[in-house]
């Protein structure tokens, strides 16, 4: 097996570890699939940012998946309605059976936050999958065929990109109606142009690579080259963008629910909806806005940290900062 030969340090001292990491990663990428991904995961394991982001995401997923067993009360239960008065809402620590207090309707805030994690996870993952599939389909067609097909698709993508993501999502959700499915479709549609442009640019870069020219010399067809060689080597940046987009999807889902476009009853557990109904209670119960806002911030931070660490691990020119 060939090894990577690095030049000695200018001062005669030890060679920089990051230079070794980058050279090994570049060599692995040249060798092909398995070695490249092994080096990516090795770099992730050495990155404390990746560990922090992965821990936050793992905790969020565990809470969302096991919400029925972790939440003290059902999603729409109002066990503390008898304690609520027009001028008083029990806060964190005031009642032992409700450690994080109650909301205006008498619901347990801790249970609402746990059930809200499940709603945010479902909306974030499904909407990102919508955007990923739609964007990859457009980017694949544009990158594979080129010419007028590429021009038409990219002009359509440019039109979508000219509208701010949140404004586009709000417009689509308002047209489709106030349901959770509408929110997923709206957020996914706003992400389509991002994935489409990213995959198309990556495929155009790969089309001129030496292995593509070799495959064409061997007589392989355009479809075979695209699906078996160009697409697998172009999908890395899209995976990284998908991780980062999950953070945006969680924030956008909360924003649409905050604007009243998420549907559902007032007592339904969803972080954005909790923020909506906390506005009128800020004077007497500020924790009703602080706690769901903190959950949104930490969850988005986890996906962002993990996505940035993954981007650094897949780019041999990037140094961990």
Protein backbone atom coordinates (compact mmCIF):
# COMPACT_ATOMS: atom_id res chain seq x y z
CA UNK A 1 0.00 0.00 0.00
CA UNK A 2 1.43 3.38 -0.96
CA UNK A 3 1.95 5.96 1.75
CA UNK A 4 1.76 9.73 1.72
CA UNK A 5 5.20 11.38 1.72
CA UNK A 6 5.18 14.77 3.40
CA UNK A 7 7.96 17.34 3.15
CA UNK A 8 9.81 18.09 6.38
CA UNK A 9 8.92 21.16 8.35
CA UNK A 10 10.89 24.26 7.29
CA UNK A 11 12.59 24.58 10.67
CA UNK A 12 13.48 20.90 10.89
CA UNK A 13 10.92 20.31 13.64
CA UNK A 14 8.02 17.87 13.74
CA UNK A 15 5.47 17.84 10.95
CA UNK A 16 2.13 19.48 11.73
CA UNK A 17 -0.58 16.92 12.63
CA UNK A 18 -3.24 18.79 10.68
CA UNK A 19 -1.07 18.63 7.57
CA UNK A 20 -0.85 14.87 8.03
CA UNK A 21 -4.63 14.67 8.49
CA UNK A 22 -5.24 16.70 5.32
CA UNK A 23 -2.74 14.72 3.25
CA UNK A 24 -4.14 11.41 4.45
CA UNK A 25 -7.68 12.55 3.71
CA UNK A 26 -6.69 13.70 0.24
CA UNK A 27 -4.97 10.39 -0.41
CA UNK A 28 -7.99 8.48 0.86
CA UNK A 29 -10.25 10.50 -1.38
CA UNK A 30 -8.04 9.58 -4.32
CA UNK A 31 -8.15 5.88 -3.39
CA UNK A 32 -11.95 5.95 -3.25
CA UNK A 33 -15.05 5.49 -1.16
CA UNK A 34 -14.26 3.42 1.95
CA UNK A 35 -10.96 5.05 2.89
CA UNK A 36 -12.36 8.55 2.43
CA UNK A 37 -15.33 7.98 4.72
CA UNK A 38 -13.15 6.26 7.32
CA UNK A 39 -10.96 9.34 7.45
CA UNK A 40 -14.01 11.59 7.68
CA UNK A 41 -15.26 9.73 10.75
CA UNK A 42 -11.76 9.73 12.24
CA UNK A 43 -11.58 13.50 11.92
CA UNK A 44 -15.05 13.80 13.42
CA UNK A 45 -13.98 11.76 16.44
CA UNK A 46 -11.10 14.17 17.02
CA UNK A 47 -13.31 17.26 16.77
CA UNK A 48 -14.85 18.38 20.11
CA UNK A 49 -17.41 20.46 18.21
CA UNK A 50 -18.70 17.29 16.56
CA UNK A 51 -19.05 15.59 19.95
CA UNK A 52 -21.01 18.50 21.41
CA UNK A 53 -23.31 18.73 18.40
CA UNK A 54 -23.81 14.95 18.28
CA UNK A 55 -24.63 14.86 22.01
CA UNK A 56 -27.26 17.59 21.64
CA UNK A 57 -28.80 15.94 18.58
CA UNK A 58 -28.76 12.51 20.25
CA UNK A 59 -30.49 13.88 23.38
CA UNK A 60 -33.08 15.66 21.22
CA UNK A 61 -33.81 12.49 19.23
CA UNK A 62 -34.05 10.32 22.36
CA UNK A 63 -36.49 12.75 24.01
CA UNK A 64 -38.58 12.94 20.83
CA UNK A 65 -38.70 9.18 20.24
CA UNK A 66 -39.42 8.23 23.86
CA UNK A 67 -41.78 11.14 24.59
CA UNK A 68 -44.73 8.87 25.54
CA UNK A 69 -42.61 7.29 28.28
CA UNK A 70 -40.68 10.39 29.39
CA UNK A 71 -43.55 12.89 29.58
CA UNK A 72 -45.38 12.85 32.94
CA UNK A 73 -48.73 13.65 31.26
CA UNK A 74 -50.32 13.06 27.82
CA UNK A 75 -49.81 15.63 25.07
CA UNK A 76 -53.13 17.47 25.41
CA UNK A 77 -53.79 16.78 29.12
CA UNK A 78 -54.58 19.75 31.40
CA UNK A 79 -53.84 18.34 34.87
CA UNK A 80 -53.33 21.71 36.56
CA UNK A 81 -56.36 23.64 35.30
CA UNK A 82 -57.68 24.10 38.85
CA UNK A 83 -54.55 26.06 39.87
CA UNK A 84 -54.88 28.69 37.12
CA UNK A 85 -56.39 32.11 37.85
CA UNK A 86 -56.61 35.21 35.62
CA UNK A 87 -53.67 36.80 37.44
CA UNK A 88 -51.65 33.78 38.57
CA UNK A 89 -49.96 30.83 36.86
CA UNK A 90 -47.83 28.50 39.04
CA UNK A 91 -44.21 28.70 37.99
CA UNK A 92 -41.22 26.32 38.14
CA UNK A 93 -40.78 24.74 41.56
CA UNK A 94 -44.01 26.05 43.05
CA UNK A 95 -45.90 22.78 42.76
CA UNK A 96 -43.92 19.52 43.20
CA UNK A 97 -46.02 17.61 40.66
CA UNK A 98 -45.25 20.26 38.00
CA UNK A 99 -41.47 20.94 38.21
CA UNK A 100 -41.44 23.48 35.34
CA UNK A 101 -44.80 25.04 36.16
CA UNK A 102 -48.04 25.25 34.21
CA UNK A 103 -49.20 27.10 31.12
CA UNK A 104 -52.28 29.29 30.74
CA UNK A 105 -54.50 26.29 29.96
CA UNK A 106 -53.31 24.21 32.94
CA UNK A 107 -50.95 21.97 30.97
CA UNK A 108 -47.70 20.71 32.46
CA UNK A 109 -44.86 22.69 30.84
CA UNK A 110 -42.35 19.83 31.19
CA UNK A 111 -44.68 17.45 29.34
CA UNK A 112 -45.38 20.07 26.66
CA UNK A 113 -41.65 20.57 26.05
CA UNK A 114 -41.06 16.83 25.73
CA UNK A 115 -43.98 16.33 23.35
CA UNK A 116 -42.88 19.47 21.47
CA UNK A 117 -39.51 17.83 20.78
CA UNK A 118 -41.31 15.04 18.92
CA UNK A 119 -43.33 17.53 16.85
CA UNK A 120 -40.21 19.55 15.99
CA UNK A 121 -38.26 16.40 15.04
CA UNK A 122 -41.00 15.13 12.74
CA UNK A 123 -41.48 18.49 11.04
CA UNK A 124 -37.74 19.11 10.71
CA UNK A 125 -36.85 15.69 9.32
CA UNK A 126 -39.82 15.33 6.96
CA UNK A 127 -39.55 18.86 5.58
CA UNK A 128 -35.80 18.45 5.04
CA UNK A 129 -36.44 15.17 3.21
CA UNK A 130 -38.97 16.94 0.99
CA UNK A 131 -36.45 19.64 0.15
CA UNK A 132 -33.59 17.15 -0.25
CA UNK A 133 -35.47 14.87 -2.64
CA UNK A 134 -36.91 17.72 -4.71
CA UNK A 135 -33.64 19.63 -4.84
CA UNK A 136 -31.56 16.56 -5.70
CA UNK A 137 -33.98 15.66 -8.49
CA UNK A 138 -33.71 19.12 -10.07
CA UNK A 139 -29.95 19.31 -9.52
CA UNK A 140 -29.44 15.82 -10.95
CA UNK A 141 -31.38 16.60 -14.12
CA UNK A 142 -29.63 19.95 -14.59
CA UNK A 143 -26.17 18.55 -13.92
CA UNK A 144 -26.64 15.45 -16.04
CA UNK A 145 -28.18 16.97 -19.19
CA UNK A 146 -26.79 20.52 -19.22
CA UNK A 147 -27.68 22.78 -22.16
CA UNK A 148 -31.16 24.24 -22.32
CA UNK A 149 -32.43 21.82 -19.66
CA UNK A 150 -29.87 23.18 -17.21
CA UNK A 151 -30.75 26.75 -18.18
CA UNK A 152 -34.49 26.31 -17.66
CA UNK A 153 -34.12 24.55 -14.31
CA UNK A 154 -31.56 27.03 -12.98
CA UNK A 155 -33.69 30.02 -13.95
CA UNK A 156 -36.59 28.46 -12.04
CA UNK A 157 -34.26 27.90 -9.08
CA UNK A 158 -33.08 31.52 -9.31
CA UNK A 159 -36.69 32.71 -9.09
CA UNK A 160 -37.20 30.68 -5.92
CA UNK A 161 -33.91 31.93 -4.46
CA UNK A 162 -34.97 35.53 -5.07
CA UNK A 163 -37.67 35.11 -2.41
CA UNK A 164 -36.50 34.87 1.23
CA UNK A 165 -36.88 31.33 2.57
CA UNK A 166 -39.22 32.17 5.43
CA UNK A 167 -41.40 34.42 3.27
CA UNK A 168 -41.70 31.66 0.67
CA UNK A 169 -42.58 29.12 3.37
CA UNK A 170 -45.19 31.46 4.89
CA UNK A 171 -46.79 32.03 1.48
CA UNK A 172 -46.99 28.31 0.69
CA UNK A 173 -48.32 27.41 4.14
CA UNK A 174 -50.98 30.12 3.92
CA UNK A 175 -52.13 28.79 0.54
CA UNK A 176 -52.19 25.12 1.59
CA UNK A 177 -53.97 25.71 4.89
CA UNK A 178 -53.20 25.60 8.60
CA UNK A 179 -52.05 22.00 9.04
CA UNK A 180 -48.82 20.31 10.08
CA UNK A 181 -48.48 18.75 6.62
CA UNK A 182 -48.73 22.21 5.05
CA UNK A 183 -45.88 23.39 7.27
CA UNK A 184 -43.71 20.44 6.19
CA UNK A 185 -44.40 21.03 2.49
CA UNK A 186 -43.84 24.78 2.83
CA UNK A 187 -40.48 24.42 4.59
CA UNK A 188 -39.38 21.64 2.21
CA UNK A 189 -40.29 23.71 -0.86
CA UNK A 190 -38.27 26.66 0.45
CA UNK A 191 -35.21 24.39 0.73
CA UNK A 192 -35.45 22.86 -2.76
CA UNK A 193 -33.44 25.58 -4.59
CA UNK A 194 -30.56 25.31 -2.07
CA UNK A 195 -30.09 21.58 -2.62
CA UNK A 196 -30.66 21.86 -6.37
CA UNK A 197 -27.98 24.49 -6.91
CA UNK A 198 -25.52 22.73 -4.60
CA UNK A 199 -25.83 19.32 -6.28
CA UNK A 200 -25.73 20.81 -9.76
CA UNK A 201 -22.54 22.75 -8.99
CA UNK A 202 -20.91 19.67 -7.46
CA UNK A 203 -21.84 17.53 -10.47
CA UNK A 204 -20.49 20.10 -12.93
CA UNK A 205 -17.21 20.02 -11.05
CA UNK A 206 -17.07 16.21 -11.14
CA UNK A 207 -17.98 15.96 -14.84
CA UNK A 208 -14.50 17.10 -15.86
CA UNK A 209 -12.66 14.73 -13.54
CA UNK A 210 -10.21 12.18 -14.96
CA UNK A 211 -12.31 9.18 -13.96
CA UNK A 212 -15.25 10.52 -16.01
CA UNK A 213 -13.06 10.92 -19.07
CA UNK A 214 -11.76 7.39 -18.56
CA UNK A 215 -15.31 6.03 -18.30
CA UNK A 216 -16.29 7.83 -21.51
CA UNK A 217 -13.24 6.37 -23.26
CA UNK A 218 -14.37 2.89 -22.22
CA UNK A 219 -17.72 3.52 -23.90
CA UNK A 220 -19.95 3.85 -20.83
CA UNK A 221 -23.21 5.70 -21.40
CA UNK A 222 -24.13 9.07 -19.88
CA UNK A 223 -26.68 7.52 -17.53
CA UNK A 224 -24.26 4.93 -16.20
CA UNK A 225 -21.52 7.48 -15.66
CA UNK A 226 -23.87 9.90 -13.95
CA UNK A 227 -25.56 7.43 -11.58
CA UNK A 228 -22.56 5.19 -10.84
CA UNK A 229 -19.72 7.69 -10.72
CA UNK A 230 -20.62 11.40 -10.82
CA UNK A 231 -23.59 11.37 -8.42
CA UNK A 232 -21.93 9.31 -5.63
CA UNK A 233 -18.89 11.61 -5.72
CA UNK A 234 -21.06 14.76 -5.73
CA UNK A 235 -23.41 13.95 -2.88
CA UNK A 236 -21.05 14.74 0.02
CA UNK A 237 -21.72 18.53 0.14
CA UNK A 238 -25.47 17.81 -0.10
CA UNK A 239 -25.31 15.58 2.99
CA UNK A 240 -23.53 18.33 4.92
CA UNK A 241 -26.09 20.90 3.78
CA UNK A 242 -28.90 18.57 4.83
CA UNK A 243 -27.52 18.45 8.36
CA UNK A 244 -27.27 22.23 8.51
CA UNK A 245 -30.73 22.64 6.99
CA UNK A 246 -32.27 20.58 9.80
CA UNK A 247 -31.40 23.42 12.16
CA UNK A 248 -33.11 25.92 9.86
CA UNK A 249 -36.13 23.64 9.51
CA UNK A 250 -36.63 23.48 13.30
CA UNK A 251 -36.48 27.28 13.50
CA UNK A 252 -38.79 27.76 10.50
CA UNK A 253 -41.31 25.27 11.92
CA UNK A 254 -41.38 27.22 15.18
CA UNK A 255 -41.76 30.48 13.24
CA UNK A 256 -44.70 29.19 11.19
CA UNK A 257 -46.41 27.85 14.31
CA UNK A 258 -45.73 31.16 16.05
CA UNK A 259 -47.53 32.90 13.16
CA UNK A 260 -50.51 30.58 13.60
CA UNK A 261 -49.96 28.55 10.41
CA UNK A 262 -49.25 25.22 12.11
CA UNK A 263 -52.86 24.33 12.87
CA UNK A 264 -53.88 22.27 15.87
CA UNK A 265 -55.60 23.23 19.10
CA UNK A 266 -54.15 25.88 21.46
CA UNK A 267 -53.12 23.24 24.00
CA UNK A 268 -51.31 21.11 21.40
CA UNK A 269 -47.65 20.68 22.33
CA UNK A 270 -45.33 22.38 19.82
CA UNK A 271 -42.55 24.80 20.71
CA UNK A 272 -43.58 27.54 18.29
CA UNK A 273 -47.21 27.34 19.38
CA UNK A 274 -46.10 27.53 23.02
CA UNK A 275 -44.31 30.78 22.18
CA UNK A 276 -47.44 32.13 20.51
CA UNK A 277 -49.64 31.66 23.56
CA UNK A 278 -46.88 32.83 25.93
CA UNK A 279 -47.00 36.37 24.52
CA UNK A 280 -50.06 37.37 26.52
CA UNK A 281 -48.57 35.97 29.75
CA UNK A 282 -45.10 37.54 29.68
CA UNK A 283 -45.90 39.86 32.60
CA UNK A 284 -46.91 37.07 34.99
CA UNK A 285 -45.28 33.96 33.49
CA UNK A 286 -42.13 34.81 31.47
CA UNK A 287 -40.87 31.21 31.68
CA UNK A 288 -43.59 30.15 29.25
CA UNK A 289 -41.66 31.96 26.50
CA UNK A 290 -38.14 31.38 27.83
CA UNK A 291 -38.27 27.57 28.08
CA UNK A 292 -39.54 26.69 24.57
CA UNK A 293 -37.28 29.39 23.11
CA UNK A 294 -34.31 27.80 24.89
CA UNK A 295 -35.25 24.37 23.51
CA UNK A 296 -35.40 25.75 19.96
CA UNK A 297 -32.04 27.50 20.36
CA UNK A 298 -30.22 24.45 21.80
CA UNK A 299 -31.64 22.07 19.19
CA UNK A 300 -30.71 24.37 16.30
CA UNK A 301 -27.25 24.81 17.83
CA UNK A 302 -26.74 21.04 17.99
CA UNK A 303 -27.56 20.48 14.32
CA UNK A 304 -25.43 23.49 13.32
CA UNK A 305 -22.38 22.30 15.27
CA UNK A 306 -22.68 18.78 13.88
CA UNK A 307 -23.12 20.06 10.32
CA UNK A 308 -20.13 22.41 10.57
CA UNK A 309 -17.96 19.63 11.99
CA UNK A 310 -19.03 17.32 9.17
CA UNK A 311 -18.23 20.00 6.60
CA UNK A 312 -14.75 20.47 8.06
CA UNK A 313 -14.14 16.71 8.17
CA UNK A 314 -15.06 16.31 4.49
CA UNK A 315 -12.94 19.24 3.31
CA UNK A 316 -9.17 18.53 3.49
CA UNK A 317 -8.41 22.23 3.06
CA UNK A 318 -10.30 23.21 6.20
CA UNK A 319 -8.58 23.40 9.58
CA UNK A 320 -10.53 22.97 12.77
CA UNK A 321 -10.74 26.33 14.47
